[in-house]
Amino acid sequence: MITINNRDKIEWENNLTVRKLLDKMGYSYSLITVTINEKLINHDDYNDTLVPDEANVIVFHLAHGG
């Protein structure tokens, strides 16, 4: 089981990458930052970084304005 943003839970699956997780959760905003178990994941590594079972994943959108 994976916990996302301390509230949503999804079943873990083999070969679940950060990119697949974002797609599965419907996150499509381009400025997304992801941490897995408090470790920041580089955006360039989303396609290759595997999400481990029992992971705590935080996904947040970067925003700017004035």
Protein backbone atom coordinates (compact mmCIF):
# COMPACT_ATOMS: atom_id res chain seq x y z
CA MET A 1 0.00 0.00 0.00
CA ILE A 2 1.25 3.48 -0.88
CA THR A 3 0.12 6.63 0.90
CA ILE A 4 -0.09 9.82 -1.14
CA ASN A 5 -0.25 13.24 0.50
CA ASN A 6 -0.98 11.63 3.86
CA ARG A 7 -4.55 10.77 2.83
CA ASP A 8 -4.94 8.79 -0.40
CA LYS A 9 -3.96 5.13 -0.48
CA ILE A 10 -3.39 2.93 -3.51
CA GLU A 11 -2.24 -0.63 -3.89
CA TRP A 12 1.43 -1.07 -4.66
CA GLU A 13 2.32 -2.86 -7.90
CA ASN A 14 5.52 -4.14 -9.49
CA ASN A 15 7.45 -1.66 -11.62
CA LEU A 16 5.46 1.33 -10.35
CA THR A 17 7.47 4.38 -11.31
CA VAL A 18 6.85 7.94 -10.18
CA ARG A 19 5.54 8.76 -13.68
CA LYS A 20 3.08 5.83 -13.61
CA LEU A 21 1.91 6.85 -10.15
CA LEU A 22 1.31 10.44 -11.27
CA ASP A 23 -0.61 9.21 -14.32
CA LYS A 24 -2.64 6.80 -12.19
CA MET A 25 -3.58 9.60 -9.78
CA GLY A 26 -4.43 12.02 -12.60
CA TYR A 27 -1.67 14.52 -11.83
CA SER A 28 -0.88 16.29 -15.09
CA TYR A 29 0.31 19.75 -14.01
CA SER A 30 3.82 20.37 -15.38
CA LEU A 31 5.30 21.89 -12.21
CA ILE A 32 4.90 18.94 -9.84
CA THR A 33 7.39 18.09 -7.13
CA VAL A 34 7.50 14.60 -5.63
CA THR A 35 9.10 13.20 -2.51
CA ILE A 36 9.23 9.54 -1.56
CA ASN A 37 9.81 8.88 2.12
CA GLU A 38 11.01 12.49 2.47
CA LYS A 39 13.55 12.18 -0.37
CA LEU A 40 13.14 14.70 -3.20
CA ILE A 41 12.93 13.01 -6.61
CA ASN A 42 14.48 14.83 -9.55
CA HIS A 43 11.91 15.51 -12.29
CA ASP A 44 14.23 13.93 -14.88
CA ASP A 45 14.09 10.67 -12.90
CA TYR A 46 10.29 10.27 -12.73
CA ASN A 47 10.27 7.66 -15.53
CA ASP A 48 12.95 5.52 -13.88
CA THR A 49 12.41 5.92 -10.12
CA LEU A 50 10.51 3.00 -8.63
CA VAL A 51 8.06 3.63 -5.80
CA PRO A 52 8.60 1.04 -3.05
CA ASP A 53 5.81 -0.72 -1.23
CA GLU A 54 4.72 1.10 1.96
CA ALA A 55 6.08 4.39 0.59
CA ASN A 56 4.88 7.75 1.80
CA VAL A 57 4.65 9.92 -1.31
CA ILE A 58 4.08 13.66 -1.22
CA VAL A 59 3.03 15.35 -4.45
CA PHE A 60 2.68 19.09 -4.59
CA HIS A 61 2.21 21.66 -7.32
CA LEU A 62 4.61 24.55 -7.50
CA ALA A 63 2.82 27.81 -8.04
CA HIS A 64 3.90 31.37 -8.52
CA GLY A 65 2.20 34.65 -8.80
CA GLY A 66 2.39 38.23 -7.86
